């Protein structure tokens, strides 16, 4: 089996969270979804499991951080600066918040950060490693 990553995230409103992730380019996998969780696919290797708070609490006694905190940030590589802009716009249009931090344009790398409806931080980014200056 190929190496894969499954990121599990607690969400308040599963249908709203599912619609948000579909809106920014993830695909819903109904085979690994039910009324307590939704499997959202970014690529063959990257999946996000959206879990209701009740389901999340069945895995751990640790508290769910408030939506205003930043416990971790996930970054997704995209094919162009325009795709980064489009994801950021889609986030705002589907219940998230765009540009929670200033956009970063280093010439060889471009990124914009957003949050989903539950406050999880995502960075949409494009990079051209061949254009990276020496020592960067």
N, C-alpha and C. Protein backbone atom coordinates (compact mmCIF):
# COMPACT_ATOMS: atom_id res chain seq x y z
N UNK A 1 0.84 -1.18 0.00
CA UNK A 1 0.00 0.00 0.00
C UNK A 1 0.89 1.25 0.00
N UNK A 2 0.50 2.22 -0.79
CA UNK A 2 1.24 3.49 -0.85
C UNK A 2 1.09 4.24 0.46
N UNK A 3 2.07 5.07 0.78
CA UNK A 3 1.97 5.89 1.98
C UNK A 3 0.92 6.97 1.75
N UNK A 4 0.10 7.18 2.77
CA UNK A 4 -0.98 8.15 2.70
C UNK A 4 -1.04 8.91 4.01
N UNK A 5 -1.73 10.05 3.99
CA UNK A 5 -1.98 10.79 5.21
C UNK A 5 -3.48 11.02 5.32
N UNK A 6 -4.00 10.79 6.52
CA UNK A 6 -5.40 11.06 6.84
C UNK A 6 -5.39 12.08 7.97
N UNK A 7 -5.88 13.26 7.71
CA UNK A 7 -5.94 14.34 8.70
C UNK A 7 -7.36 14.34 9.24
N UNK A 8 -7.51 14.17 10.54
CA UNK A 8 -8.84 14.20 11.16
C UNK A 8 -9.07 15.56 11.81
N UNK A 9 -10.23 16.15 11.52
CA UNK A 9 -10.56 17.47 12.05
C UNK A 9 -11.95 17.45 12.67
N UNK A 10 -12.09 17.99 13.89
CA UNK A 10 -13.42 18.10 14.49
C UNK A 10 -14.18 19.26 13.86
N UNK A 11 -15.46 19.04 13.56
CA UNK A 11 -16.29 20.08 12.95
C UNK A 11 -17.63 20.18 13.68
N UNK A 12 -18.17 21.37 13.74
CA UNK A 12 -19.45 21.62 14.41
C UNK A 12 -20.61 21.15 13.55
N UNK A 13 -20.59 21.50 12.26
CA UNK A 13 -21.69 21.23 11.34
C UNK A 13 -21.14 20.42 10.17
N UNK A 14 -21.35 19.10 10.18
CA UNK A 14 -20.76 18.22 9.17
C UNK A 14 -21.20 18.56 7.75
N UNK A 15 -22.49 18.77 7.47
CA UNK A 15 -22.87 19.14 6.09
C UNK A 15 -22.23 20.45 5.63
N UNK A 16 -22.16 21.43 6.50
CA UNK A 16 -21.55 22.72 6.16
C UNK A 16 -20.06 22.54 5.88
N UNK A 17 -19.37 21.77 6.72
CA UNK A 17 -17.95 21.53 6.52
C UNK A 17 -17.70 20.75 5.23
N UNK A 18 -18.54 19.76 4.96
CA UNK A 18 -18.41 18.97 3.73
C UNK A 18 -18.56 19.87 2.51
N UNK A 19 -19.57 20.74 2.52
CA UNK A 19 -19.79 21.66 1.41
C UNK A 19 -18.61 22.61 1.24
N UNK A 20 -18.05 23.09 2.35
CA UNK A 20 -16.88 23.97 2.28
C UNK A 20 -15.73 23.27 1.57
N UNK A 21 -15.40 22.07 2.00
CA UNK A 21 -14.26 21.37 1.41
C UNK A 21 -14.50 21.01 -0.05
N UNK A 22 -15.71 20.65 -0.39
CA UNK A 22 -16.03 20.44 -1.81
C UNK A 22 -15.85 21.75 -2.58
N UNK A 23 -16.26 22.85 -1.97
CA UNK A 23 -16.17 24.15 -2.61
C UNK A 23 -14.75 24.62 -2.90
N UNK A 24 -13.77 24.15 -2.10
CA UNK A 24 -12.38 24.55 -2.35
C UNK A 24 -11.59 23.50 -3.13
N UNK A 25 -12.28 22.46 -3.59
CA UNK A 25 -11.61 21.52 -4.50
C UNK A 25 -11.42 20.10 -4.02
N UNK A 26 -11.86 19.76 -2.80
CA UNK A 26 -11.78 18.38 -2.34
C UNK A 26 -12.94 17.58 -2.93
N UNK A 27 -12.79 16.28 -2.99
CA UNK A 27 -13.85 15.38 -3.45
C UNK A 27 -14.35 14.57 -2.27
N UNK A 28 -15.65 14.46 -2.13
CA UNK A 28 -16.26 13.69 -1.04
C UNK A 28 -16.23 12.21 -1.40
N UNK A 29 -15.71 11.37 -0.50
CA UNK A 29 -15.71 9.92 -0.69
C UNK A 29 -16.79 9.32 0.19
N UNK A 30 -17.96 8.99 -0.38
CA UNK A 30 -19.06 8.49 0.43
C UNK A 30 -18.80 7.10 1.04
N UNK A 31 -17.85 6.34 0.49
CA UNK A 31 -17.56 5.00 1.01
C UNK A 31 -16.96 5.05 2.42
N UNK A 32 -16.33 6.16 2.77
CA UNK A 32 -15.73 6.30 4.10
C UNK A 32 -16.40 7.42 4.88
N UNK A 33 -17.68 7.62 4.63
CA UNK A 33 -18.44 8.70 5.27
C UNK A 33 -19.73 8.14 5.85
N UNK A 34 -20.20 8.80 6.90
CA UNK A 34 -21.51 8.46 7.47
C UNK A 34 -22.05 9.71 8.16
N UNK A 35 -23.04 9.56 9.02
CA UNK A 35 -23.63 10.75 9.65
C UNK A 35 -22.73 11.37 10.72
N UNK A 36 -21.60 10.74 11.04
CA UNK A 36 -20.67 11.28 12.05
C UNK A 36 -19.35 11.71 11.45
N UNK A 37 -19.12 11.43 10.17
CA UNK A 37 -17.86 11.79 9.56
C UNK A 37 -17.93 11.79 8.05
N UNK A 38 -17.08 12.62 7.43
CA UNK A 38 -17.01 12.67 5.97
C UNK A 38 -15.55 12.61 5.55
N UNK A 39 -15.26 11.74 4.61
CA UNK A 39 -13.92 11.62 4.06
C UNK A 39 -13.83 12.53 2.84
N UNK A 40 -12.89 13.48 2.90
CA UNK A 40 -12.69 14.42 1.81
C UNK A 40 -11.31 14.16 1.21
N UNK A 41 -11.26 14.01 -0.11
CA UNK A 41 -10.04 13.60 -0.80
C UNK A 41 -9.42 14.78 -1.53
N UNK A 42 -8.13 15.02 -1.24
CA UNK A 42 -7.38 16.03 -1.97
C UNK A 42 -6.59 15.38 -3.11
N UNK A 43 -5.98 14.23 -2.81
CA UNK A 43 -5.20 13.49 -3.80
C UNK A 43 -5.22 12.02 -3.39
N UNK A 44 -4.58 11.19 -4.17
CA UNK A 44 -4.51 9.77 -3.82
C UNK A 44 -3.86 9.56 -2.46
N UNK A 45 -3.01 10.49 -2.06
CA UNK A 45 -2.26 10.32 -0.81
C UNK A 45 -2.80 11.14 0.35
N UNK A 46 -3.64 12.14 0.09
CA UNK A 46 -4.07 13.05 1.14
C UNK A 46 -5.59 13.05 1.29
N UNK A 47 -6.04 12.70 2.51
CA UNK A 47 -7.46 12.67 2.83
C UNK A 47 -7.70 13.43 4.13
N UNK A 48 -8.82 14.10 4.20
CA UNK A 48 -9.21 14.80 5.42
C UNK A 48 -10.50 14.16 5.92
N UNK A 49 -10.46 13.73 7.17
CA UNK A 49 -11.64 13.15 7.81
C UNK A 49 -12.30 14.23 8.66
N UNK A 50 -13.49 14.66 8.26
CA UNK A 50 -14.26 15.64 9.03
C UNK A 50 -15.12 14.86 10.01
N UNK A 51 -14.96 15.13 11.29
CA UNK A 51 -15.64 14.36 12.32
C UNK A 51 -16.48 15.27 13.19
N UNK A 52 -17.72 14.84 13.46
CA UNK A 52 -18.54 15.60 14.40
C UNK A 52 -17.83 15.64 15.75
N UNK A 53 -18.18 16.59 16.57
CA UNK A 53 -17.55 16.67 17.89
C UNK A 53 -17.78 15.39 18.69
N UNK A 54 -18.96 14.82 18.56
CA UNK A 54 -19.26 13.57 19.29
C UNK A 54 -18.33 12.45 18.84
N UNK A 55 -18.13 12.32 17.52
CA UNK A 55 -17.24 11.28 16.99
C UNK A 55 -15.80 11.56 17.42
N UNK A 56 -15.39 12.81 17.32
CA UNK A 56 -14.03 13.19 17.73
C UNK A 56 -13.77 12.78 19.18
N UNK A 57 -14.74 13.07 20.03
CA UNK A 57 -14.59 12.77 21.47
C UNK A 57 -14.52 11.27 21.76
N UNK A 58 -14.91 10.42 20.80
CA UNK A 58 -14.78 8.98 20.99
C UNK A 58 -13.34 8.52 20.80
N UNK A 59 -12.48 9.39 20.23
CA UNK A 59 -11.08 9.06 20.01
C UNK A 59 -10.15 9.62 21.08
N UNK A 60 -10.56 10.68 21.76
CA UNK A 60 -9.67 11.33 22.72
C UNK A 60 -10.47 12.09 23.78
N UNK A 61 -9.87 12.21 24.95
CA UNK A 61 -10.45 13.03 26.01
C UNK A 61 -9.90 14.45 25.98
N UNK A 62 -8.93 14.71 25.10
CA UNK A 62 -8.35 16.05 25.00
C UNK A 62 -9.40 17.03 24.48
N UNK A 63 -9.40 18.26 24.98
CA UNK A 63 -10.41 19.22 24.55
C UNK A 63 -10.21 19.67 23.11
N UNK A 64 -11.30 20.01 22.47
CA UNK A 64 -11.24 20.57 21.11
C UNK A 64 -10.87 22.04 21.26
N UNK A 65 -9.82 22.49 20.57
CA UNK A 65 -9.44 23.90 20.71
C UNK A 65 -10.52 24.83 20.16
N UNK A 66 -10.62 26.03 20.68
CA UNK A 66 -11.59 26.98 20.14
C UNK A 66 -11.23 27.36 18.71
N UNK A 67 -12.24 27.75 17.92
CA UNK A 67 -12.02 28.10 16.52
C UNK A 67 -11.08 29.29 16.36
N UNK A 68 -10.88 30.06 17.41
CA UNK A 68 -10.02 31.23 17.33
C UNK A 68 -8.54 30.89 17.54
N UNK A 69 -8.21 29.63 17.81
CA UNK A 69 -6.81 29.24 18.03
C UNK A 69 -6.21 28.68 16.75
N UNK A 70 -4.90 28.58 16.72
CA UNK A 70 -4.19 27.99 15.58
C UNK A 70 -3.27 26.91 16.11
N UNK A 71 -3.78 25.70 16.17
CA UNK A 71 -2.99 24.59 16.69
C UNK A 71 -2.06 24.01 15.65
N UNK A 72 -2.42 24.14 14.38
CA UNK A 72 -1.63 23.59 13.29
C UNK A 72 -2.09 24.28 12.01
N UNK A 73 -1.22 24.32 11.02
CA UNK A 73 -1.59 24.85 9.70
C UNK A 73 -1.22 23.82 8.65
N UNK A 74 -2.12 23.60 7.72
CA UNK A 74 -1.90 22.65 6.63
C UNK A 74 -1.70 23.46 5.36
N UNK A 75 -0.79 23.04 4.50
CA UNK A 75 -0.54 23.74 3.25
C UNK A 75 -0.77 22.79 2.08
N UNK A 76 -1.46 23.29 1.07
CA UNK A 76 -1.75 22.51 -0.12
C UNK A 76 -1.09 23.17 -1.32
N UNK A 77 -0.32 22.39 -2.07
CA UNK A 77 0.32 22.96 -3.24
C UNK A 77 -0.66 22.95 -4.41
N UNK A 78 -0.63 24.04 -5.16
CA UNK A 78 -1.50 24.21 -6.32
C UNK A 78 -0.63 24.48 -7.54
N UNK A 79 -1.24 24.46 -8.72
CA UNK A 79 -0.49 24.51 -9.98
C UNK A 79 -0.11 25.91 -10.44
N UNK A 80 -0.70 26.95 -9.83
CA UNK A 80 -0.41 28.31 -10.29
C UNK A 80 -0.83 29.33 -9.24
N UNK A 81 -0.36 30.56 -9.42
CA UNK A 81 -0.80 31.65 -8.56
C UNK A 81 -2.30 31.86 -8.70
N UNK A 82 -2.80 31.72 -9.91
CA UNK A 82 -4.23 31.90 -10.16
C UNK A 82 -5.05 30.86 -9.41
N UNK A 83 -4.53 29.63 -9.31
CA UNK A 83 -5.22 28.57 -8.57
C UNK A 83 -5.24 28.89 -7.07
N UNK A 84 -4.16 29.50 -6.57
CA UNK A 84 -4.11 29.93 -5.17
C UNK A 84 -5.18 30.98 -4.93
N UNK A 85 -5.26 31.96 -5.81
CA UNK A 85 -6.27 33.01 -5.68
C UNK A 85 -7.68 32.43 -5.75
N UNK A 86 -7.89 31.48 -6.67
CA UNK A 86 -9.21 30.87 -6.83
C UNK A 86 -9.61 30.09 -5.58
N UNK A 87 -8.67 29.37 -4.95
CA UNK A 87 -9.01 28.63 -3.73
C UNK A 87 -9.36 29.60 -2.61
N UNK A 88 -8.62 30.68 -2.51
CA UNK A 88 -8.88 31.66 -1.47
C UNK A 88 -10.26 32.28 -1.66
N UNK A 89 -10.62 32.61 -2.88
CA UNK A 89 -11.94 33.16 -3.18
C UNK A 89 -13.04 32.13 -2.89
N UNK A 90 -12.78 30.87 -3.25
CA UNK A 90 -13.75 29.80 -3.00
C UNK A 90 -13.96 29.59 -1.51
N UNK A 91 -12.90 29.73 -0.73
CA UNK A 91 -13.03 29.57 0.72
C UNK A 91 -14.01 30.60 1.27
N UNK A 92 -13.86 31.84 0.87
CA UNK A 92 -14.75 32.90 1.34
C UNK A 92 -16.18 32.68 0.87
N UNK A 93 -16.34 32.15 -0.33
CA UNK A 93 -17.68 31.93 -0.90
C UNK A 93 -18.39 30.73 -0.30
N UNK A 94 -17.66 29.85 0.40
CA UNK A 94 -18.24 28.62 0.93
C UNK A 94 -18.21 28.55 2.45
N UNK A 95 -18.22 29.70 3.11
CA UNK A 95 -18.34 29.72 4.57
C UNK A 95 -17.06 29.83 5.34
N UNK A 96 -15.92 29.91 4.67
CA UNK A 96 -14.65 30.09 5.34
C UNK A 96 -14.25 31.56 5.36
N UNK A 97 -13.01 31.81 5.73
CA UNK A 97 -12.48 33.17 5.76
C UNK A 97 -11.19 33.21 4.97
N UNK A 98 -11.13 34.11 4.00
CA UNK A 98 -9.95 34.26 3.16
C UNK A 98 -8.95 35.21 3.80
N UNK A 99 -7.70 35.06 3.43
CA UNK A 99 -6.63 35.98 3.80
C UNK A 99 -6.57 36.29 5.30
N UNK A 100 -6.46 35.23 6.10
CA UNK A 100 -6.34 35.45 7.55
C UNK A 100 -4.97 36.00 7.92
N UNK A 101 -4.03 35.86 7.03
CA UNK A 101 -2.69 36.44 7.15
C UNK A 101 -2.42 37.18 5.84
N UNK A 102 -1.47 38.09 5.81
CA UNK A 102 -1.15 38.75 4.55
C UNK A 102 -0.67 37.74 3.50
N UNK A 103 -1.06 37.95 2.24
CA UNK A 103 -0.56 37.11 1.16
C UNK A 103 0.95 37.24 1.10
N UNK A 104 1.61 36.17 0.69
CA UNK A 104 3.06 36.17 0.62
C UNK A 104 3.48 35.88 -0.82
N UNK A 105 4.20 36.80 -1.44
CA UNK A 105 4.67 36.61 -2.81
C UNK A 105 6.18 36.83 -2.84
N UNK A 106 6.90 35.73 -2.93
CA UNK A 106 8.37 35.78 -2.96
C UNK A 106 8.91 35.61 -4.37
N UNK A 107 8.05 35.68 -5.36
CA UNK A 107 8.47 35.47 -6.74
C UNK A 107 8.45 34.00 -7.12
N UNK A 108 9.27 33.21 -6.46
CA UNK A 108 9.31 31.76 -6.71
C UNK A 108 8.24 31.00 -5.92
N UNK A 109 7.64 31.69 -4.92
CA UNK A 109 6.60 31.07 -4.10
C UNK A 109 5.52 32.12 -3.79
N UNK A 110 4.27 31.65 -3.83
CA UNK A 110 3.12 32.52 -3.59
C UNK A 110 2.15 31.77 -2.70
N UNK A 111 1.68 32.40 -1.62
CA UNK A 111 0.74 31.70 -0.75
C UNK A 111 -0.27 32.67 -0.15
N UNK A 112 -1.44 32.12 0.16
CA UNK A 112 -2.50 32.85 0.84
C UNK A 112 -3.15 31.88 1.82
N UNK A 113 -3.38 32.36 3.04
CA UNK A 113 -3.94 31.52 4.10
C UNK A 113 -5.44 31.77 4.26
N UNK A 114 -6.14 30.70 4.63
CA UNK A 114 -7.58 30.76 4.83
C UNK A 114 -7.95 29.86 6.00
N UNK A 115 -9.16 30.02 6.49
CA UNK A 115 -9.67 29.10 7.51
C UNK A 115 -11.01 28.55 7.06
N UNK A 116 -11.27 27.31 7.49
CA UNK A 116 -12.56 26.69 7.20
C UNK A 116 -13.58 27.19 8.22
N UNK A 117 -14.84 26.78 8.11
CA UNK A 117 -15.86 27.28 9.04
C UNK A 117 -15.59 26.97 10.52
N UNK A 118 -14.71 26.00 10.80
CA UNK A 118 -14.40 25.63 12.17
C UNK A 118 -13.08 26.22 12.66
N UNK A 119 -12.45 27.06 11.86
CA UNK A 119 -11.23 27.73 12.28
C UNK A 119 -9.94 26.99 11.98
N UNK A 120 -10.01 25.89 11.21
CA UNK A 120 -8.79 25.16 10.84
C UNK A 120 -8.06 25.94 9.75
N UNK A 121 -6.75 26.13 9.94
CA UNK A 121 -5.95 26.96 9.05
C UNK A 121 -5.39 26.14 7.89
N UNK A 122 -5.58 26.68 6.69
CA UNK A 122 -5.05 26.08 5.46
C UNK A 122 -4.29 27.14 4.68
N UNK A 123 -3.20 26.75 4.10
CA UNK A 123 -2.43 27.65 3.23
C UNK A 123 -2.47 27.10 1.82
N UNK A 124 -2.99 27.91 0.91
CA UNK A 124 -2.93 27.55 -0.51
C UNK A 124 -1.63 28.15 -1.03
N UNK A 125 -0.81 27.31 -1.71
CA UNK A 125 0.48 27.81 -2.13
C UNK A 125 0.90 27.25 -3.48
N UNK A 126 1.67 28.07 -4.19
CA UNK A 126 2.30 27.67 -5.45
C UNK A 126 3.79 27.95 -5.30
N UNK A 127 4.61 27.06 -5.88
CA UNK A 127 6.05 27.26 -5.79
C UNK A 127 6.71 26.74 -7.06
N UNK A 128 7.73 27.47 -7.52
CA UNK A 128 8.58 27.06 -8.64
C UNK A 128 9.99 26.88 -8.09
N UNK A 129 10.34 25.65 -7.65
CA UNK A 129 11.66 25.44 -7.05
C UNK A 129 12.81 25.85 -7.96
N UNK A 130 12.64 25.75 -9.27
CA UNK A 130 13.71 26.12 -10.19
C UNK A 130 14.01 27.61 -10.15
N UNK A 131 13.03 28.41 -9.75
CA UNK A 131 13.22 29.86 -9.70
C UNK A 131 13.69 30.35 -8.32
N UNK A 132 13.85 29.41 -7.38
CA UNK A 132 14.26 29.79 -6.03
C UNK A 132 15.71 30.31 -6.05
N UNK A 133 15.92 31.48 -5.46
CA UNK A 133 17.30 32.00 -5.42
C UNK A 133 18.20 31.12 -4.56
N UNK A 134 19.47 31.10 -4.87
CA UNK A 134 20.43 30.34 -4.10
C UNK A 134 20.44 30.83 -2.66
N UNK A 135 20.44 29.89 -1.73
CA UNK A 135 20.48 30.23 -0.32
C UNK A 135 19.13 30.56 0.30
N UNK A 136 18.08 30.50 -0.49
CA UNK A 136 16.74 30.81 0.05
C UNK A 136 16.18 29.66 0.83
